[in-house]
C-alpha atoms as a PDB file:
ATOM      1  CA  UNK A   1      13.939  -9.981  21.242  1.00  0.00           C
ATOM      2  CA  UNK A   2      13.515 -11.242  24.804  1.00  0.00           C
ATOM      3  CA  UNK A   3      13.752  -8.753  27.630  1.00  0.00           C
ATOM      4  CA  UNK A   4      17.207  -8.712  29.187  1.00  0.00           C
ATOM      5  CA  UNK A   5      17.727  -9.132  32.921  1.00  0.00           C
ATOM      6  CA  UNK A   6      18.147  -5.762  34.620  1.00  0.00           C
ATOM      7  CA  UNK A   7      21.351  -4.453  36.114  1.00  0.00           C
ATOM      8  CA  UNK A   8      21.408  -4.304  39.869  1.00  0.00           C
ATOM      9  CA  UNK A   9      20.938  -0.708  40.985  1.00  0.00           C
ATOM     10  CA  UNK A  10      23.252   0.166  43.857  1.00  0.00           C
ATOM     11  CA  UNK A  11      21.897   2.875  46.164  1.00  0.00           C
ATOM     12  CA  UNK A  12      23.387   1.810  49.508  1.00  0.00           C
ATOM     13  CA  UNK A  13      26.382   3.971  50.457  1.00  0.00           C
ATOM     14  CA  UNK A  14      28.016   1.198  52.493  1.00  0.00           C
ATOM     15  CA  UNK A  15      27.761  -1.166  49.539  1.00  0.00           C
ATOM     16  CA  UNK A  16      29.311   1.450  47.261  1.00  0.00           C
ATOM     17  CA  UNK A  17      32.177   1.777  49.743  1.00  0.00           C
ATOM     18  CA  UNK A  18      32.560  -2.012  49.800  1.00  0.00           C
ATOM     19  CA  UNK A  19      32.718  -2.005  45.998  1.00  0.00           C
ATOM     20  CA  UNK A  20      35.484   0.607  46.095  1.00  0.00           C
ATOM     21  CA  UNK A  21      37.913  -2.148  47.181  1.00  0.00           C
ATOM     22  CA  UNK A  22      40.077  -3.067  44.159  1.00  0.00           C
ATOM     23  CA  UNK A  23      40.107  -6.825  44.785  1.00  0.00           C
ATOM     24  CA  UNK A  24      36.333  -6.964  45.218  1.00  0.00           C
ATOM     25  CA  UNK A  25      35.940  -5.055  41.981  1.00  0.00           C
ATOM     26  CA  UNK A  26      38.336  -7.425  40.207  1.00  0.00           C
ATOM     27  CA  UNK A  27      36.535 -10.496  41.584  1.00  0.00           C
ATOM     28  CA  UNK A  28      33.085  -9.242  40.668  1.00  0.00           C
ATOM     29  CA  UNK A  29      34.242  -8.181  37.192  1.00  0.00           C
ATOM     30  CA  UNK A  30      35.784 -11.611  36.646  1.00  0.00           C
ATOM     31  CA  UNK A  31      32.730 -13.559  37.813  1.00  0.00           C
ATOM     32  CA  UNK A  32      30.350 -11.352  35.804  1.00  0.00           C
ATOM     33  CA  UNK A  33      32.543 -12.021  32.758  1.00  0.00           C
ATOM     34  CA  UNK A  34      33.198 -15.749  32.915  1.00  0.00           C
ATOM     35  CA  UNK A  35      30.546 -17.260  35.167  1.00  0.00           C
ATOM     36  CA  UNK A  36      31.035 -19.523  38.201  1.00  0.00           C
ATOM     37  CA  UNK A  37      34.593 -20.072  39.417  1.00  0.00           C
ATOM     38  CA  UNK A  38      36.229 -21.339  42.579  1.00  0.00           C
ATOM     39  CA  UNK A  39      38.217 -19.069  44.888  1.00  0.00           C
ATOM     40  CA  UNK A  40      41.385 -20.748  43.565  1.00  0.00           C
ATOM     41  CA  UNK A  41      40.419 -20.004  39.961  1.00  0.00           C
ATOM     42  CA  UNK A  42      39.578 -16.436  40.942  1.00  0.00           C
ATOM     43  CA  UNK A  43      42.939 -16.054  42.677  1.00  0.00           C
ATOM     44  CA  UNK A  44      44.811 -17.056  39.553  1.00  0.00           C
ATOM     45  CA  UNK A  45      42.737 -14.716  37.371  1.00  0.00           C
ATOM     46  CA  UNK A  46      43.058 -11.641  39.603  1.00  0.00           C
ATOM     47  CA  UNK A  47      46.616 -12.286  40.880  1.00  0.00           C
ATOM     48  CA  UNK A  48      45.829 -12.841  44.537  1.00  0.00           C
ATOM     49  CA  UNK A  49      45.770 -15.749  46.979  1.00  0.00           C
ATOM     50  CA  UNK A  50      42.867 -18.178  47.234  1.00  0.00           C
ATOM     51  CA  UNK A  51      42.402 -17.371  50.933  1.00  0.00           C
ATOM     52  CA  UNK A  52      42.301 -13.612  50.240  1.00  0.00           C
ATOM     53  CA  UNK A  53      39.834 -14.121  47.384  1.00  0.00           C
ATOM     54  CA  UNK A  54      37.710 -16.410  49.538  1.00  0.00           C
ATOM     55  CA  UNK A  55      37.493 -13.757  52.267  1.00  0.00           C
ATOM     56  CA  UNK A  56      36.491 -11.010  49.810  1.00  0.00           C
ATOM     57  CA  UNK A  57      34.023 -13.310  48.061  1.00  0.00           C
ATOM     58  CA  UNK A  58      32.353 -13.901  51.423  1.00  0.00           C
ATOM     59  CA  UNK A  59      32.167 -10.115  51.888  1.00  0.00           C
ATOM     60  CA  UNK A  60      30.549  -9.751  48.459  1.00  0.00           C
ATOM     61  CA  UNK A  61      28.140 -12.569  49.379  1.00  0.00           C
ATOM     62  CA  UNK A  62      26.992 -10.609  52.439  1.00  0.00           C
ATOM     63  CA  UNK A  63      25.860  -7.901  50.024  1.00  0.00           C
ATOM     64  CA  UNK A  64      24.152 -10.436  47.751  1.00  0.00           C
ATOM     65  CA  UNK A  65      26.553  -9.810  44.862  1.00  0.00           C
ATOM     66  CA  UNK A  66      27.929 -13.364  44.703  1.00  0.00           C
ATOM     67  CA  UNK A  67      26.692 -16.727  45.857  1.00  0.00           C
ATOM     68  CA  UNK A  68      27.931 -20.300  46.090  1.00  0.00           C
ATOM     69  CA  UNK A  69      26.747 -22.797  43.498  1.00  0.00           C
ATOM     70  CA  UNK A  70      26.947 -26.573  43.495  1.00  0.00           C
ATOM     71  CA  UNK A  71      30.207 -28.034  42.248  1.00  0.00           C
ATOM     72  CA  UNK A  72      29.996 -30.386  39.295  1.00  0.00           C
ATOM     73  CA  UNK A  73      32.630 -32.681  40.761  1.00  0.00           C
ATOM     74  CA  UNK A  74      31.710 -32.432  44.447  1.00  0.00           C
ATOM     75  CA  UNK A  75      34.937 -30.651  45.334  1.00  0.00           C
ATOM     76  CA  UNK A  76      35.391 -26.928  46.027  1.00  0.00           C
ATOM     77  CA  UNK A  77      32.115 -25.098  45.420  1.00  0.00           C
ATOM     78  CA  UNK A  78      32.368 -22.255  42.926  1.00  0.00           C
ATOM     79  CA  UNK A  79      31.088 -18.729  43.334  1.00  0.00           C
ATOM     80  CA  UNK A  80      28.943 -16.904  40.815  1.00  0.00           C
ATOM     81  CA  UNK A  81      27.987 -13.268  40.432  1.00  0.00           C
ATOM     82  CA  UNK A  82      24.295 -12.657  41.046  1.00  0.00           C
ATOM     83  CA  UNK A  83      23.964  -9.434  39.004  1.00  0.00           C
ATOM     84  CA  UNK A  84      24.535  -9.307  35.248  1.00  0.00           C
ATOM     85  CA  UNK A  85      25.622  -5.710  35.629  1.00  0.00           C
ATOM     86  CA  UNK A  86      25.727  -2.927  38.185  1.00  0.00           C
ATOM     87  CA  UNK A  87      24.391   0.595  38.032  1.00  0.00           C
ATOM     88  CA  UNK A  88      25.518   3.185  40.546  1.00  0.00           C
ATOM     89  CA  UNK A  89      23.359   5.898  39.033  1.00  0.00           C
ATOM     90  CA  UNK A  90      23.763   9.545  38.257  1.00  0.00           C
ATOM     91  CA  UNK A  91      25.919  11.581  40.651  1.00  0.00           C
ATOM     92  CA  UNK A  92      23.832  12.149  43.774  1.00  0.00           C
ATOM     93  CA  UNK A  93      23.150  15.569  45.300  1.00  0.00           C
ATOM     94  CA  UNK A  94      24.161  14.292  48.749  1.00  0.00           C
ATOM     95  CA  UNK A  95      27.953  14.729  49.082  1.00  0.00           C
ATOM     96  CA  UNK A  96      28.345  11.523  51.137  1.00  0.00           C
ATOM     97  CA  UNK A  97      26.519   9.445  48.543  1.00  0.00           C
ATOM     98  CA  UNK A  98      28.397  11.150  45.711  1.00  0.00           C
ATOM     99  CA  UNK A  99      31.749  10.429  47.425  1.00  0.00           C
ATOM    100  CA  UNK A 100      30.832   6.740  47.688  1.00  0.00           C
ATOM    101  CA  UNK A 101      29.762   6.735  44.032  1.00  0.00           C
ATOM    102  CA  UNK A 102      33.077   8.312  43.036  1.00  0.00           C
ATOM    103  CA  UNK A 103      35.051   5.766  45.081  1.00  0.00           C
ATOM    104  CA  UNK A 104      33.214   2.782  43.575  1.00  0.00           C
ATOM    105  CA  UNK A 105      33.467   4.216  40.058  1.00  0.00           C
ATOM    106  CA  UNK A 106      37.170   4.872  40.598  1.00  0.00           C
ATOM    107  CA  UNK A 107      37.708   1.212  41.492  1.00  0.00           C
ATOM    108  CA  UNK A 108      35.872   0.095  38.337  1.00  0.00           C
ATOM    109  CA  UNK A 109      37.938   2.476  36.203  1.00  0.00           C
ATOM    110  CA  UNK A 110      41.152   1.205  37.798  1.00  0.00           C
ATOM    111  CA  UNK A 111      40.126  -2.369  36.978  1.00  0.00           C
ATOM    112  CA  UNK A 112      39.357  -1.262  33.441  1.00  0.00           C
ATOM    113  CA  UNK A 113      42.887   0.147  33.150  1.00  0.00           C
ATOM    114  CA  UNK A 114      44.356  -3.129  34.453  1.00  0.00           C
ATOM    115  CA  UNK A 115      42.406  -5.112  31.852  1.00  0.00           C
ATOM    116  CA  UNK A 116      43.404  -2.711  29.085  1.00  0.00           C
ATOM    117  CA  UNK A 117      47.081  -2.955  30.027  1.00  0.00           C
ATOM    118  CA  UNK A 118      46.882  -6.770  30.095  1.00  0.00           C
ATOM    119  CA  UNK A 119      45.457  -6.662  26.578  1.00  0.00           C
ATOM    120  CA  UNK A 120      48.306  -4.433  25.405  1.00  0.00           C
ATOM    121  CA  UNK A 121      50.904  -6.612  27.132  1.00  0.00           C
ATOM    122  CA  UNK A 122      49.538  -9.768  25.459  1.00  0.00           C
ATOM    123  CA  UNK A 123      48.851  -8.256  22.035  1.00  0.00           C
ATOM    124  CA  UNK A 124      51.595 -10.245  20.299  1.00  0.00           C
ATOM    125  CA  UNK A 125      50.222 -13.507  21.733  1.00  0.00           C
ATOM    126  CA  UNK A 126      46.689 -13.028  20.384  1.00  0.00           C
ATOM    127  CA  UNK A 127      45.513 -14.898  17.315  1.00  0.00           C
ATOM    128  CA  UNK A 128      45.660 -12.554  14.278  1.00  0.00           C
ATOM    129  CA  UNK A 129      41.866 -12.480  13.873  1.00  0.00           C
ATOM    130  CA  UNK A 130      41.461 -11.335  17.506  1.00  0.00           C
ATOM    131  CA  UNK A 131      44.260  -8.800  17.142  1.00  0.00           C
ATOM    132  CA  UNK A 132      42.547  -7.416  14.020  1.00  0.00           C
ATOM    133  CA  UNK A 133      39.087  -7.381  15.611  1.00  0.00           C
ATOM    134  CA  UNK A 134      40.220  -5.619  18.798  1.00  0.00           C
ATOM    135  CA  UNK A 135      40.296  -1.850  19.013  1.00  0.00           C
ATOM    136  CA  UNK A 136      40.809   1.022  21.389  1.00  0.00           C
ATOM    137  CA  UNK A 137      39.011   4.083  20.056  1.00  0.00           C
ATOM    138  CA  UNK A 138      38.886   7.633  21.275  1.00  0.00           C
ATOM    139  CA  UNK A 139      36.511  10.294  20.061  1.00  0.00           C
ATOM    140  CA  UNK A 140      36.007  13.981  20.732  1.00  0.00           C
ATOM    141  CA  UNK A 141      32.268  14.442  20.242  1.00  0.00           C
ATOM    142  CA  UNK A 142      30.309  17.684  20.231  1.00  0.00           C
ATOM    143  CA  UNK A 143      26.971  16.983  21.903  1.00  0.00           C
ATOM    144  CA  UNK A 144      24.333  18.463  24.139  1.00  0.00           C
ATOM    145  CA  UNK A 145      23.659  16.746  27.465  1.00  0.00           C
ATOM    146  CA  UNK A 146      20.418  15.323  26.030  1.00  0.00           C
ATOM    147  CA  UNK A 147      22.257  13.970  22.968  1.00  0.00           C
ATOM    148  CA  UNK A 148      24.909  12.396  25.201  1.00  0.00           C
ATOM    149  CA  UNK A 149      22.235  10.717  27.323  1.00  0.00           C
ATOM    150  CA  UNK A 150      20.501   9.413  24.175  1.00  0.00           C
ATOM    151  CA  UNK A 151      23.785   8.162  22.688  1.00  0.00           C
ATOM    152  CA  UNK A 152      24.659   6.291  25.881  1.00  0.00           C
ATOM    153  CA  UNK A 153      21.231   4.633  25.911  1.00  0.00           C
ATOM    154  CA  UNK A 154      21.597   3.566  22.256  1.00  0.00           C
ATOM    155  CA  UNK A 155      25.063   2.128  22.862  1.00  0.00           C
ATOM    156  CA  UNK A 156      23.794   0.220  25.901  1.00  0.00           C
ATOM    157  CA  UNK A 157      20.858  -1.179  23.909  1.00  0.00           C
ATOM    158  CA  UNK A 158      23.225  -2.283  21.148  1.00  0.00           C
ATOM    159  CA  UNK A 159      25.856  -3.873  23.416  1.00  0.00           C
ATOM    160  CA  UNK A 160      23.855  -5.340  26.310  1.00  0.00           C
ATOM    161  CA  UNK A 161      22.476  -8.421  24.464  1.00  0.00           C
ATOM    162  CA  UNK A 162      26.082  -9.600  24.023  1.00  0.00           C
ATOM    163  CA  UNK A 163      26.830  -9.504  27.772  1.00  0.00           C
ATOM    164  CA  UNK A 164      28.735 -12.709  28.546  1.00  0.00           C
ATOM    165  CA  UNK A 165      26.492 -13.971  31.326  1.00  0.00           C
ATOM    166  CA  UNK A 166      23.295 -13.093  29.441  1.00  0.00           C
ATOM    167  CA  UNK A 167      24.067 -14.388  25.955  1.00  0.00           C
ATOM    168  CA  UNK A 168      23.030 -18.005  25.509  1.00  0.00           C
ATOM    169  CA  UNK A 169      23.416 -18.251  21.698  1.00  0.00           C
ATOM    170  CA  UNK A 170      27.119 -17.439  21.333  1.00  0.00           C
ATOM    171  CA  UNK A 171      28.655 -19.273  18.363  1.00  0.00           C
ATOM    172  CA  UNK A 172      31.603 -21.651  18.684  1.00  0.00           C
ATOM    173  CA  UNK A 173      34.861 -19.745  19.007  1.00  0.00           C
ATOM    174  CA  UNK A 174      33.308 -16.848  20.913  1.00  0.00           C
ATOM    175  CA  UNK A 175      35.487 -15.460  23.715  1.00  0.00           C
ATOM    176  CA  UNK A 176      34.676 -13.147  26.598  1.00  0.00           C
ATOM    177  CA  UNK A 177      35.587  -9.668  25.350  1.00  0.00           C
ATOM    178  CA  UNK A 178      36.196  -6.659  27.599  1.00  0.00           C
ATOM    179  CA  UNK A 179      34.476  -3.586  26.191  1.00  0.00           C
ATOM    180  CA  UNK A 180      33.703  -0.179  27.580  1.00  0.00           C
ATOM    181  CA  UNK A 181      32.322   3.162  26.617  1.00  0.00           C
ATOM    182  CA  UNK A 182      33.316   6.234  28.554  1.00  0.00           C
ATOM    183  CA  UNK A 183      31.575   9.504  27.890  1.00  0.00           C
ATOM    184  CA  UNK A 184      31.713  12.758  29.783  1.00  0.00           C
ATOM    185  CA  UNK A 185      32.611  16.392  29.117  1.00  0.00           C
ATOM    186  CA  UNK A 186      36.241  16.824  28.114  1.00  0.00           C
ATOM    187  CA  UNK A 187      37.983  18.805  30.836  1.00  0.00           C
ATOM    188  CA  UNK A 188      41.489  20.153  30.327  1.00  0.00           C
ATOM    189  CA  UNK A 189      44.288  20.146  32.899  1.00  0.00           C
ATOM    190  CA  UNK A 190      43.224  23.567  34.203  1.00  0.00           C
ATOM    191  CA  UNK A 191      39.685  22.327  34.893  1.00  0.00           C
ATOM    192  CA  UNK A 192      38.009  24.044  31.949  1.00  0.00           C
ATOM    193  CA  UNK A 193      35.484  22.467  29.620  1.00  0.00           C
ATOM    194  CA  UNK A 194      35.842  23.269  25.949  1.00  0.00           C
ATOM    195  CA  UNK A 195      32.605  24.270  24.173  1.00  0.00           C
END
């Protein structure tokens, strides 16, 4: 199998703070999912205005996360995401860096919730085969930290070749599918972990 393009590692605190903006997160998620789109197409997809999307796309461009590409029809030039994925890294020891990581991760999780709710809202409109193939699973696993790290790496290795902007051999009828894997110690409402 060919080597997959790497995720972009984000280490800059200011960039993490910029990524904590919900519209920027939505725009970047959309472009990383579907490929090049105009600001108008982005606006429709993320429920914003074209001018607002255009402004935030320019902000993302300053960080090198999106760029303009040539238009096929010579009209409005589309934007495309430059990374095929982002990695914020393990929680940093520096509280300022960790706070920026938490803010950016919180924005991504909020976008994930929006996408999940849209799926649930549109469930009855999906073709039966897509309704049957879709799933939302929850597990309570008992693992060591090393086992959790290994499991996450195996899941990433299994899923990553299917990434929408990486996969070039998708068969006819393939759609962009939102998928996620969340894994962390289960913490109850009182703040306790449960061994």
